[in-house]
Amino acid sequence: MGDRVRFEGFSELAKTLKAMPEWIAEKELNLTVRAAAAVMQKEARRLAPKDTGLLSKNILIRKVKAIKGPYDRYVGRYILGVRSRLVSRRKRRKMTKEERAIQRLREPYYWHFIEFGTSRAAAVPYLRGAFEATKVEAVGTMRERLKKALSYENLRKLRRQAARDGQKRGRR
C-alpha cells in the first residue's frame, strides 16, 4: 500500500497527442497500455499453478469499452484476467451432454478458488502477485514505449503514413 507511482509530463503528452491525428494517438496509446499489460500477463502465467497448464493458458488481456473520462478519447481499458467461459450459454444449451462435459474440462472454472483461497485451501494470488511484482516494470515499459512512439523519426513516419492514407481515401 505504501508504493506510489508518480506520473509527470501529462500536459506535454496531451499537447503532443492533440497535434497528432486522432487515430494515430489512439493506436499508439493502446499499444502502450497493452505492452504494459503483457508484462503483467507474462508474470501471472509464470506464477499460476501448473498442474494441468490450463489455468496459465487462459490468462489473457482483454480490451473493454471505456468509461468516459478526460483521456478516454485515446485509450481503451484493458483487463488482465482468466477466461472462464469458452462457449456462450446460448451455444452451451445446444450442445449434447457429452459435448458439455468435454467443454467443462477445457475451462479453468476454478481460477478464483486458487486466487482467493477457500475455507480449506490457502490462497495462491497469481494475478495480484503479478501486479505487485511488475507494476514498476510495467510503468517503465509504458514510458519507453511512449518515448519510442513520440520520437521525432516515428512521428515523421506516422505523419507520412497519415498523408498517404488521406490520399488513398480521397481516391475512392
N, C-alpha and C. Protein backbone atom coordinates (compact mmCIF):
# COMPACT_ATOMS: atom_id res chain seq x y z
N MET A 1 0.81 -1.19 0.00
CA MET A 1 0.00 0.00 0.00
C MET A 1 0.86 1.27 0.00
N GLY A 2 2.06 1.19 0.52
CA GLY A 2 2.91 2.35 0.60
C GLY A 2 3.57 2.71 -0.72
N ASP A 3 3.50 1.81 -1.72
CA ASP A 3 4.13 2.10 -3.00
C ASP A 3 3.30 3.12 -3.76
N ARG A 4 3.98 4.10 -4.32
CA ARG A 4 3.31 5.10 -5.13
C ARG A 4 4.08 5.28 -6.42
N VAL A 5 3.35 5.52 -7.46
CA VAL A 5 3.95 5.80 -8.75
C VAL A 5 3.54 7.20 -9.14
N ARG A 6 4.52 8.01 -9.49
CA ARG A 6 4.23 9.40 -9.81
C ARG A 6 4.39 9.61 -11.31
N PHE A 7 3.38 10.18 -11.93
CA PHE A 7 3.40 10.48 -13.35
C PHE A 7 3.59 11.97 -13.54
N GLU A 8 4.55 12.32 -14.36
CA GLU A 8 4.79 13.73 -14.67
C GLU A 8 4.78 13.90 -16.18
N GLY A 9 4.46 15.10 -16.62
CA GLY A 9 4.52 15.40 -18.05
C GLY A 9 3.23 15.12 -18.81
N PHE A 10 2.11 15.01 -18.11
CA PHE A 10 0.86 14.75 -18.80
C PHE A 10 0.44 15.92 -19.69
N SER A 11 0.74 17.15 -19.27
CA SER A 11 0.33 18.29 -20.08
C SER A 11 1.08 18.30 -21.41
N GLU A 12 2.40 17.97 -21.37
CA GLU A 12 3.17 17.91 -22.62
C GLU A 12 2.69 16.75 -23.49
N LEU A 13 2.38 15.63 -22.86
CA LEU A 13 1.88 14.48 -23.60
C LEU A 13 0.55 14.81 -24.26
N ALA A 14 -0.33 15.48 -23.53
CA ALA A 14 -1.64 15.85 -24.09
C ALA A 14 -1.48 16.79 -25.28
N LYS A 15 -0.55 17.75 -25.19
CA LYS A 15 -0.31 18.66 -26.33
C LYS A 15 0.18 17.90 -27.54
N THR A 16 1.10 16.98 -27.33
CA THR A 16 1.65 16.18 -28.43
C THR A 16 0.56 15.32 -29.06
N LEU A 17 -0.27 14.72 -28.22
CA LEU A 17 -1.33 13.87 -28.74
C LEU A 17 -2.38 14.66 -29.51
N LYS A 18 -2.68 15.88 -29.06
CA LYS A 18 -3.66 16.70 -29.76
C LYS A 18 -3.13 17.16 -31.12
N ALA A 19 -1.80 17.28 -31.24
CA ALA A 19 -1.20 17.67 -32.52
C ALA A 19 -1.22 16.52 -33.52
N MET A 20 -1.30 15.30 -33.03
CA MET A 20 -1.31 14.12 -33.91
C MET A 20 -2.72 13.85 -34.40
N PRO A 21 -2.84 13.18 -35.56
CA PRO A 21 -4.17 12.73 -35.96
C PRO A 21 -4.73 11.79 -34.89
N GLU A 22 -6.04 11.83 -34.71
CA GLU A 22 -6.66 11.10 -33.60
C GLU A 22 -6.42 9.60 -33.68
N TRP A 23 -6.49 9.02 -34.87
CA TRP A 23 -6.32 7.57 -34.98
C TRP A 23 -4.90 7.14 -34.65
N ILE A 24 -3.91 8.00 -34.91
CA ILE A 24 -2.52 7.66 -34.58
C ILE A 24 -2.33 7.70 -33.06
N ALA A 25 -2.85 8.75 -32.42
CA ALA A 25 -2.74 8.86 -30.97
C ALA A 25 -3.41 7.67 -30.29
N GLU A 26 -4.59 7.32 -30.77
CA GLU A 26 -5.32 6.20 -30.19
C GLU A 26 -4.54 4.89 -30.35
N LYS A 27 -4.02 4.68 -31.54
CA LYS A 27 -3.27 3.45 -31.81
C LYS A 27 -2.03 3.35 -30.93
N GLU A 28 -1.25 4.43 -30.84
CA GLU A 28 -0.02 4.40 -30.06
C GLU A 28 -0.29 4.21 -28.57
N LEU A 29 -1.28 4.89 -28.03
CA LEU A 29 -1.58 4.74 -26.61
C LEU A 29 -2.14 3.35 -26.29
N ASN A 30 -2.96 2.82 -27.16
CA ASN A 30 -3.47 1.47 -26.93
C ASN A 30 -2.35 0.44 -26.97
N LEU A 31 -1.42 0.60 -27.90
CA LEU A 31 -0.28 -0.31 -27.95
C LEU A 31 0.59 -0.18 -26.70
N THR A 32 0.70 1.02 -26.19
CA THR A 32 1.49 1.26 -24.98
C THR A 32 0.86 0.56 -23.76
N VAL A 33 -0.43 0.74 -23.59
CA VAL A 33 -1.12 0.13 -22.45
C VAL A 33 -1.11 -1.39 -22.58
N ARG A 34 -1.28 -1.88 -23.79
CA ARG A 34 -1.26 -3.33 -24.00
C ARG A 34 0.12 -3.92 -23.72
N ALA A 35 1.18 -3.18 -24.06
CA ALA A 35 2.54 -3.66 -23.77
C ALA A 35 2.77 -3.78 -22.26
N ALA A 36 2.26 -2.83 -21.50
CA ALA A 36 2.38 -2.89 -20.05
C ALA A 36 1.58 -4.07 -19.49
N ALA A 37 0.39 -4.30 -20.05
CA ALA A 37 -0.42 -5.43 -19.59
C ALA A 37 0.24 -6.76 -19.94
N ALA A 38 0.97 -6.79 -21.05
CA ALA A 38 1.65 -8.02 -21.46
C ALA A 38 2.75 -8.40 -20.47
N VAL A 39 3.39 -7.40 -19.88
CA VAL A 39 4.40 -7.66 -18.85
C VAL A 39 3.75 -8.36 -17.66
N MET A 40 2.58 -7.87 -17.25
CA MET A 40 1.87 -8.47 -16.12
C MET A 40 1.34 -9.85 -16.48
N GLN A 41 0.89 -10.03 -17.72
CA GLN A 41 0.37 -11.32 -18.16
C GLN A 41 1.47 -12.39 -18.10
N LYS A 42 2.65 -12.02 -18.55
CA LYS A 42 3.77 -12.97 -18.54
C LYS A 42 4.09 -13.42 -17.11
N GLU A 43 4.10 -12.47 -16.19
CA GLU A 43 4.38 -12.80 -14.79
C GLU A 43 3.25 -13.63 -14.17
N ALA A 44 1.99 -13.29 -14.50
CA ALA A 44 0.86 -14.07 -13.97
C ALA A 44 0.90 -15.51 -14.47
N ARG A 45 1.27 -15.69 -15.72
CA ARG A 45 1.40 -17.06 -16.25
C ARG A 45 2.53 -17.81 -15.56
N ARG A 46 3.58 -17.10 -15.21
CA ARG A 46 4.70 -17.74 -14.51
C ARG A 46 4.28 -18.14 -13.10
N LEU A 47 3.50 -17.30 -12.43
CA LEU A 47 3.10 -17.56 -11.04
C LEU A 47 1.94 -18.54 -10.91
N ALA A 48 1.16 -18.73 -11.96
CA ALA A 48 -0.02 -19.60 -11.88
C ALA A 48 0.41 -21.05 -11.66
N PRO A 49 -0.36 -21.81 -10.88
CA PRO A 49 -0.06 -23.23 -10.67
C PRO A 49 -0.08 -23.98 -12.01
N LYS A 50 0.84 -24.93 -12.15
CA LYS A 50 0.99 -25.63 -13.43
C LYS A 50 0.52 -27.08 -13.37
N ASP A 51 -0.51 -27.38 -12.62
CA ASP A 51 -0.98 -28.76 -12.52
C ASP A 51 -1.30 -29.34 -13.90
N THR A 52 -2.20 -28.67 -14.62
CA THR A 52 -2.55 -29.12 -15.97
C THR A 52 -2.07 -28.14 -17.03
N GLY A 53 -1.75 -26.92 -16.63
CA GLY A 53 -1.36 -25.89 -17.59
C GLY A 53 -2.55 -25.14 -18.15
N LEU A 54 -3.74 -25.58 -17.83
CA LEU A 54 -4.96 -24.98 -18.35
C LEU A 54 -5.15 -23.56 -17.84
N LEU A 55 -4.85 -23.35 -16.58
CA LEU A 55 -5.03 -22.03 -15.98
C LEU A 55 -4.09 -21.00 -16.62
N SER A 56 -2.83 -21.33 -16.76
CA SER A 56 -1.88 -20.36 -17.31
C SER A 56 -2.16 -20.07 -18.79
N LYS A 57 -2.69 -21.04 -19.52
CA LYS A 57 -3.03 -20.81 -20.93
C LYS A 57 -4.19 -19.84 -21.08
N ASN A 58 -5.06 -19.79 -20.09
CA ASN A 58 -6.26 -18.97 -20.19
C ASN A 58 -6.15 -17.62 -19.50
N ILE A 59 -4.95 -17.21 -19.10
CA ILE A 59 -4.75 -15.85 -18.59
C ILE A 59 -4.57 -14.94 -19.80
N LEU A 60 -5.43 -13.97 -19.92
CA LEU A 60 -5.42 -13.15 -21.13
C LEU A 60 -5.64 -11.68 -20.83
N ILE A 61 -5.37 -10.89 -21.86
CA ILE A 61 -5.60 -9.44 -21.80
C ILE A 61 -6.80 -9.18 -22.69
N ARG A 62 -7.78 -8.47 -22.15
CA ARG A 62 -8.99 -8.20 -22.91
C ARG A 62 -9.25 -6.70 -22.92
N LYS A 63 -9.60 -6.16 -24.07
CA LYS A 63 -9.95 -4.75 -24.17
C LYS A 63 -11.45 -4.62 -23.95
N VAL A 64 -11.83 -3.68 -23.10
CA VAL A 64 -13.24 -3.43 -22.82
C VAL A 64 -13.57 -1.99 -23.17
N LYS A 65 -14.84 -1.70 -23.32
CA LYS A 65 -15.25 -0.34 -23.65
C LYS A 65 -14.90 0.59 -22.50
N ALA A 66 -14.45 1.77 -22.86
CA ALA A 66 -14.01 2.73 -21.84
C ALA A 66 -15.19 3.48 -21.25
N ILE A 67 -15.04 3.86 -20.01
CA ILE A 67 -15.98 4.75 -19.34
C ILE A 67 -15.49 6.15 -19.66
N LYS A 68 -16.38 7.06 -19.92
CA LYS A 68 -15.97 8.39 -20.36
C LYS A 68 -15.14 9.11 -19.30
N GLY A 69 -14.05 9.68 -19.74
CA GLY A 69 -13.14 10.42 -18.88
C GLY A 69 -12.28 11.34 -19.73
N PRO A 70 -11.35 12.07 -19.14
CA PRO A 70 -10.58 13.05 -19.91
C PRO A 70 -9.68 12.45 -20.98
N TYR A 71 -9.10 11.29 -20.76
CA TYR A 71 -8.18 10.70 -21.74
C TYR A 71 -8.78 9.50 -22.45
N ASP A 72 -10.06 9.21 -22.22
CA ASP A 72 -10.67 8.04 -22.83
C ASP A 72 -10.89 8.20 -24.32
N ARG A 73 -10.73 9.41 -24.80
CA ARG A 73 -10.81 9.60 -26.24
C ARG A 73 -9.71 8.79 -26.93
N TYR A 74 -8.60 8.62 -26.24
CA TYR A 74 -7.45 7.96 -26.83
C TYR A 74 -7.28 6.51 -26.39
N VAL A 75 -7.51 6.22 -25.11
CA VAL A 75 -7.11 4.94 -24.55
C VAL A 75 -8.32 4.12 -24.14
N GLY A 76 -8.34 2.85 -24.56
CA GLY A 76 -9.35 1.93 -24.09
C GLY A 76 -8.91 1.33 -22.77
N ARG A 77 -9.77 0.61 -22.14
CA ARG A 77 -9.43 -0.06 -20.88
C ARG A 77 -9.07 -1.51 -21.18
N TYR A 78 -8.06 -2.00 -20.51
CA TYR A 78 -7.63 -3.39 -20.67
C TYR A 78 -7.77 -4.10 -19.34
N ILE A 79 -8.18 -5.35 -19.40
CA ILE A 79 -8.34 -6.17 -18.20
C ILE A 79 -7.43 -7.38 -18.34
N LEU A 80 -6.68 -7.66 -17.30
CA LEU A 80 -5.90 -8.88 -17.23
C LEU A 80 -6.70 -9.85 -16.38
N GLY A 81 -7.08 -10.96 -16.95
CA GLY A 81 -7.91 -11.90 -16.21
C GLY A 81 -7.82 -13.30 -16.75
N VAL A 82 -8.74 -14.13 -16.31
CA VAL A 82 -8.78 -15.53 -16.72
C VAL A 82 -10.06 -15.77 -17.50
N ARG A 83 -9.90 -16.37 -18.67
CA ARG A 83 -11.06 -16.71 -19.49
C ARG A 83 -11.69 -17.95 -18.88
N SER A 84 -12.91 -17.82 -18.40
CA SER A 84 -13.52 -18.97 -17.73
C SER A 84 -14.67 -19.57 -18.53
N ARG A 85 -15.26 -18.82 -19.41
CA ARG A 85 -16.33 -19.37 -20.26
C ARG A 85 -15.85 -19.32 -21.70
N LEU A 86 -15.52 -20.48 -22.25
CA LEU A 86 -15.05 -20.54 -23.62
C LEU A 86 -16.20 -20.56 -24.62
N VAL A 87 -17.37 -21.02 -24.18
CA VAL A 87 -18.55 -21.11 -25.03
C VAL A 87 -19.67 -20.35 -24.35
N SER A 88 -20.44 -19.59 -25.14
CA SER A 88 -21.54 -18.82 -24.57
C SER A 88 -22.64 -19.75 -24.05
N ARG A 89 -23.47 -19.21 -23.21
CA ARG A 89 -24.56 -20.01 -22.64
C ARG A 89 -25.53 -20.46 -23.72
N ARG A 90 -25.76 -19.62 -24.70
CA ARG A 90 -26.69 -19.97 -25.78
C ARG A 90 -26.16 -21.19 -26.56
N LYS A 91 -24.87 -21.18 -26.88
CA LYS A 91 -24.29 -22.31 -27.60
C LYS A 91 -24.24 -23.54 -26.70
N ARG A 92 -24.03 -23.32 -25.41
CA ARG A 92 -23.94 -24.43 -24.46
C ARG A 92 -25.27 -25.19 -24.38
N ARG A 93 -26.40 -24.46 -24.48
CA ARG A 93 -27.70 -25.11 -24.43
C ARG A 93 -27.91 -26.08 -25.59
N LYS A 94 -27.31 -25.75 -26.74
CA LYS A 94 -27.48 -26.57 -27.93
C LYS A 94 -26.56 -27.79 -27.95
N MET A 95 -25.59 -27.82 -27.05
CA MET A 95 -24.63 -28.92 -27.01
C MET A 95 -25.25 -30.17 -26.39
N THR A 96 -24.70 -31.31 -26.76
CA THR A 96 -25.13 -32.55 -26.11
C THR A 96 -24.48 -32.63 -24.73
N LYS A 97 -24.91 -33.57 -23.94
CA LYS A 97 -24.38 -33.74 -22.59
C LYS A 97 -22.88 -34.05 -22.63
N GLU A 98 -22.48 -34.87 -23.58
CA GLU A 98 -21.07 -35.24 -23.72
C GLU A 98 -20.21 -34.04 -24.13
N GLU A 99 -20.75 -33.26 -25.08
CA GLU A 99 -20.01 -32.06 -25.51
C GLU A 99 -19.84 -31.07 -24.36
N ARG A 100 -20.88 -30.92 -23.54
CA ARG A 100 -20.77 -30.01 -22.37
C ARG A 100 -19.74 -30.51 -21.38
N ALA A 101 -19.68 -31.81 -21.17
CA ALA A 101 -18.70 -32.38 -20.24
C ALA A 101 -17.29 -32.15 -20.74
N ILE A 102 -17.07 -32.33 -22.02
CA ILE A 102 -15.75 -32.09 -22.61
C ILE A 102 -15.38 -30.61 -22.50
N GLN A 103 -16.36 -29.75 -22.75
CA GLN A 103 -16.10 -28.30 -22.67
C GLN A 103 -15.74 -27.89 -21.25
N ARG A 104 -16.39 -28.47 -20.25
CA ARG A 104 -16.09 -28.16 -18.86
C ARG A 104 -14.65 -28.52 -18.49
N LEU A 105 -14.13 -29.58 -19.11
CA LEU A 105 -12.75 -29.97 -18.85
C LEU A 105 -11.75 -28.98 -19.42
N ARG A 106 -12.16 -28.20 -20.40
CA ARG A 106 -11.27 -27.22 -21.03
C ARG A 106 -11.29 -25.86 -20.32
N GLU A 107 -12.24 -25.66 -19.42
CA GLU A 107 -12.40 -24.36 -18.77
C GLU A 107 -11.76 -24.36 -17.38
N PRO A 108 -10.99 -23.33 -17.06
CA PRO A 108 -10.44 -23.22 -15.70
C PRO A 108 -11.43 -22.52 -14.76
N TYR A 109 -12.57 -23.17 -14.53
CA TYR A 109 -13.63 -22.59 -13.70
C TYR A 109 -13.17 -22.35 -12.27
N TYR A 110 -12.09 -22.97 -11.88
CA TYR A 110 -11.61 -22.96 -10.50
C TYR A 110 -10.62 -21.83 -10.22
N TRP A 111 -10.40 -20.93 -11.18
CA TRP A 111 -9.34 -19.93 -11.03
C TRP A 111 -9.50 -19.08 -9.79
N HIS A 112 -10.74 -18.68 -9.46
CA HIS A 112 -10.93 -17.82 -8.29
C HIS A 112 -10.73 -18.57 -6.97
N PHE A 113 -10.89 -19.89 -6.96
CA PHE A 113 -10.59 -20.66 -5.75
C PHE A 113 -9.10 -20.58 -5.44
N ILE A 114 -8.29 -20.63 -6.48
CA ILE A 114 -6.83 -20.57 -6.30
C ILE A 114 -6.40 -19.15 -5.95
N GLU A 115 -6.94 -18.16 -6.66
CA GLU A 115 -6.54 -16.77 -6.45
C GLU A 115 -6.91 -16.27 -5.05
N PHE A 116 -8.12 -16.55 -4.60
CA PHE A 116 -8.60 -16.00 -3.33
C PHE A 116 -8.62 -17.02 -2.19
N GLY A 117 -8.47 -18.30 -2.50
CA GLY A 117 -8.49 -19.33 -1.47
C GLY A 117 -9.90 -19.76 -1.11
N THR A 118 -9.98 -20.81 -0.34
CA THR A 118 -11.27 -21.31 0.14
C THR A 118 -11.15 -21.54 1.64
N SER A 119 -12.19 -22.08 2.25
CA SER A 119 -12.13 -22.36 3.68
C SER A 119 -11.13 -23.47 3.99
N ARG A 120 -10.82 -24.29 2.98
CA ARG A 120 -9.92 -25.43 3.20
C ARG A 120 -8.55 -25.27 2.54
N ALA A 121 -8.44 -24.35 1.59
CA ALA A 121 -7.17 -24.19 0.87
C ALA A 121 -6.72 -22.74 0.94
N ALA A 122 -5.44 -22.56 1.14
CA ALA A 122 -4.88 -21.20 1.21
C ALA A 122 -4.84 -20.58 -0.18
N ALA A 123 -4.88 -19.27 -0.22
CA ALA A 123 -4.85 -18.55 -1.49
C ALA A 123 -3.45 -18.59 -2.10
N VAL A 124 -3.41 -18.65 -3.43
CA VAL A 124 -2.16 -18.53 -4.19
C VAL A 124 -2.40 -17.38 -5.17
N PRO A 125 -2.15 -16.15 -4.74
CA PRO A 125 -2.52 -14.98 -5.55
C PRO A 125 -1.58 -14.76 -6.74
N TYR A 126 -1.86 -15.39 -7.85
CA TYR A 126 -1.00 -15.24 -9.03
C TYR A 126 -1.32 -13.96 -9.79
N LEU A 127 -2.58 -13.53 -9.87
CA LEU A 127 -2.91 -12.28 -10.56
C LEU A 127 -2.49 -11.06 -9.73
N ARG A 128 -2.85 -11.07 -8.46
CA ARG A 128 -2.45 -9.96 -7.59
C ARG A 128 -0.94 -9.94 -7.41
N GLY A 129 -0.33 -11.11 -7.30
CA GLY A 129 1.12 -11.19 -7.17
C GLY A 129 1.83 -10.67 -8.40
N ALA A 130 1.27 -10.96 -9.58
CA ALA A 130 1.87 -10.46 -10.82
C ALA A 130 1.78 -8.94 -10.88
N PHE A 131 0.65 -8.38 -10.44
CA PHE A 131 0.51 -6.92 -10.43
C PHE A 131 1.53 -6.29 -9.48
N GLU A 132 1.61 -6.82 -8.28
CA GLU A 132 2.53 -6.26 -7.29
C GLU A 132 3.99 -6.38 -7.74
N ALA A 133 4.32 -7.49 -8.38
CA ALA A 133 5.71 -7.72 -8.77
C ALA A 133 6.14 -6.90 -9.98
N THR A 134 5.18 -6.56 -10.85
CA THR A 134 5.56 -5.94 -12.12
C THR A 134 5.03 -4.53 -12.33
N LYS A 135 4.40 -3.93 -11.33
CA LYS A 135 3.80 -2.61 -11.58
C LYS A 135 4.85 -1.56 -11.94
N VAL A 136 6.00 -1.59 -11.32
CA VAL A 136 7.05 -0.62 -11.64
C VAL A 136 7.63 -0.91 -13.03
N GLU A 137 7.84 -2.19 -13.32
CA GLU A 137 8.34 -2.58 -14.64
C GLU A 137 7.34 -2.21 -15.74
N ALA A 138 6.04 -2.36 -15.46
CA ALA A 138 5.01 -2.03 -16.45
C ALA A 138 5.00 -0.53 -16.75
N VAL A 139 5.16 0.28 -15.71
CA VAL A 139 5.22 1.73 -15.92
C VAL A 139 6.47 2.09 -16.73
N GLY A 140 7.59 1.43 -16.46
CA GLY A 140 8.80 1.64 -17.24
C GLY A 140 8.61 1.24 -18.70
N THR A 141 7.90 0.14 -18.93
CA THR A 141 7.60 -0.30 -20.29
C THR A 141 6.75 0.74 -21.01
N MET A 142 5.76 1.28 -20.30
CA MET A 142 4.92 2.32 -20.90
C MET A 142 5.75 3.55 -21.24
N ARG A 143 6.63 3.93 -20.34
CA ARG A 143 7.47 5.12 -20.56
C ARG A 143 8.35 4.93 -21.80
N GLU A 144 9.02 3.77 -21.89
CA GLU A 144 9.89 3.50 -23.04
C GLU A 144 9.10 3.43 -24.34
N ARG A 145 7.96 2.80 -24.27
CA ARG A 145 7.12 2.68 -25.47
C ARG A 145 6.64 4.05 -25.95
N LEU A 146 6.24 4.91 -25.00
CA LEU A 146 5.81 6.26 -25.39
C LEU A 146 6.97 7.08 -25.94
N LYS A 147 8.15 6.94 -25.34
CA LYS A 147 9.32 7.66 -25.88
C LYS A 147 9.56 7.25 -27.32
N LYS A 148 9.50 5.95 -27.57
CA LYS A 148 9.73 5.45 -28.93
C LYS A 148 8.63 5.95 -29.87
N ALA A 149 7.39 5.89 -29.40
CA ALA A 149 6.26 6.28 -30.25
C ALA A 149 6.28 7.77 -30.57
N LEU A 150 6.72 8.57 -29.62
CA LEU A 150 6.69 10.02 -29.81
C LEU A 150 8.03 10.59 -30.25
N SER A 151 8.96 9.72 -30.64
CA SER A 151 10.24 10.21 -31.12
C SER A 151 10.03 10.94 -32.45
N TYR A 152 10.96 11.79 -32.77
CA TYR A 152 10.84 12.63 -33.97
C TYR A 152 10.73 11.77 -35.23
N GLU A 153 11.56 10.76 -35.37
CA GLU A 153 11.54 9.92 -36.56
C GLU A 153 10.22 9.17 -36.70
N ASN A 154 9.74 8.65 -35.61
CA ASN A 154 8.48 7.91 -35.66
C ASN A 154 7.32 8.84 -35.99
N LEU A 155 7.32 10.05 -35.43
CA LEU A 155 6.25 10.99 -35.74
C LEU A 155 6.26 11.36 -37.22
N ARG A 156 7.44 11.54 -37.78
CA ARG A 156 7.54 11.85 -39.21
C ARG A 156 6.98 10.70 -40.03
N LYS A 157 7.36 9.48 -39.66
CA LYS A 157 6.87 8.30 -40.38
C LYS A 157 5.35 8.21 -40.29
N LEU A 158 4.79 8.44 -39.09
CA LEU A 158 3.35 8.35 -38.91
C LEU A 158 2.62 9.46 -39.68
N ARG A 159 3.21 10.66 -39.73
CA ARG A 159 2.58 11.74 -40.49
C ARG A 159 2.56 11.42 -41.98
N ARG A 160 3.69 10.86 -42.48
CA ARG A 160 3.73 10.46 -43.89
C ARG A 160 2.69 9.38 -44.16
N GLN A 161 2.57 8.45 -43.25
CA GLN A 161 1.59 7.38 -43.40
C GLN A 161 0.17 7.96 -43.39
N ALA A 162 -0.08 8.91 -42.53
CA ALA A 162 -1.39 9.54 -42.46
C ALA A 162 -1.69 10.30 -43.75
N ALA A 163 -0.67 10.97 -44.30
CA ALA A 163 -0.86 11.69 -45.56
C ALA A 163 -1.19 10.72 -46.69
N ARG A 164 -0.47 9.59 -46.74
CA ARG A 164 -0.74 8.58 -47.76
C ARG A 164 -2.14 8.00 -47.59
N ASP A 165 -2.53 7.74 -46.35
CA ASP A 165 -3.88 7.21 -46.11
C ASP A 165 -4.93 8.22 -46.52
N GLY A 166 -4.67 9.49 -46.28
CA GLY A 166 -5.61 10.54 -46.69
C GLY A 166 -5.74 10.60 -48.20
N GLN A 167 -4.64 10.44 -48.92
CA GLN A 167 -4.68 10.44 -50.38
C GLN A 167 -5.45 9.22 -50.89
N LYS A 168 -5.21 8.07 -50.25
CA LYS A 168 -5.92 6.86 -50.67
C LYS A 168 -7.42 7.00 -50.44
N ARG A 169 -7.79 7.59 -49.32
CA ARG A 169 -9.21 7.77 -49.02
C ARG A 169 -9.86 8.73 -50.01
N GLY A 170 -9.09 9.72 -50.46
CA GLY A 170 -9.62 10.69 -51.40
C GLY A 170 -9.83 10.10 -52.79
N ARG A 171 -9.10 9.09 -53.16
CA ARG A 171 -9.19 8.46 -54.48
C ARG A 171 -10.42 7.58 -54.60
N ARG A 172 -10.93 7.08 -53.52
CA ARG A 172 -12.07 6.14 -53.57
C ARG A 172 -13.30 6.78 -54.05
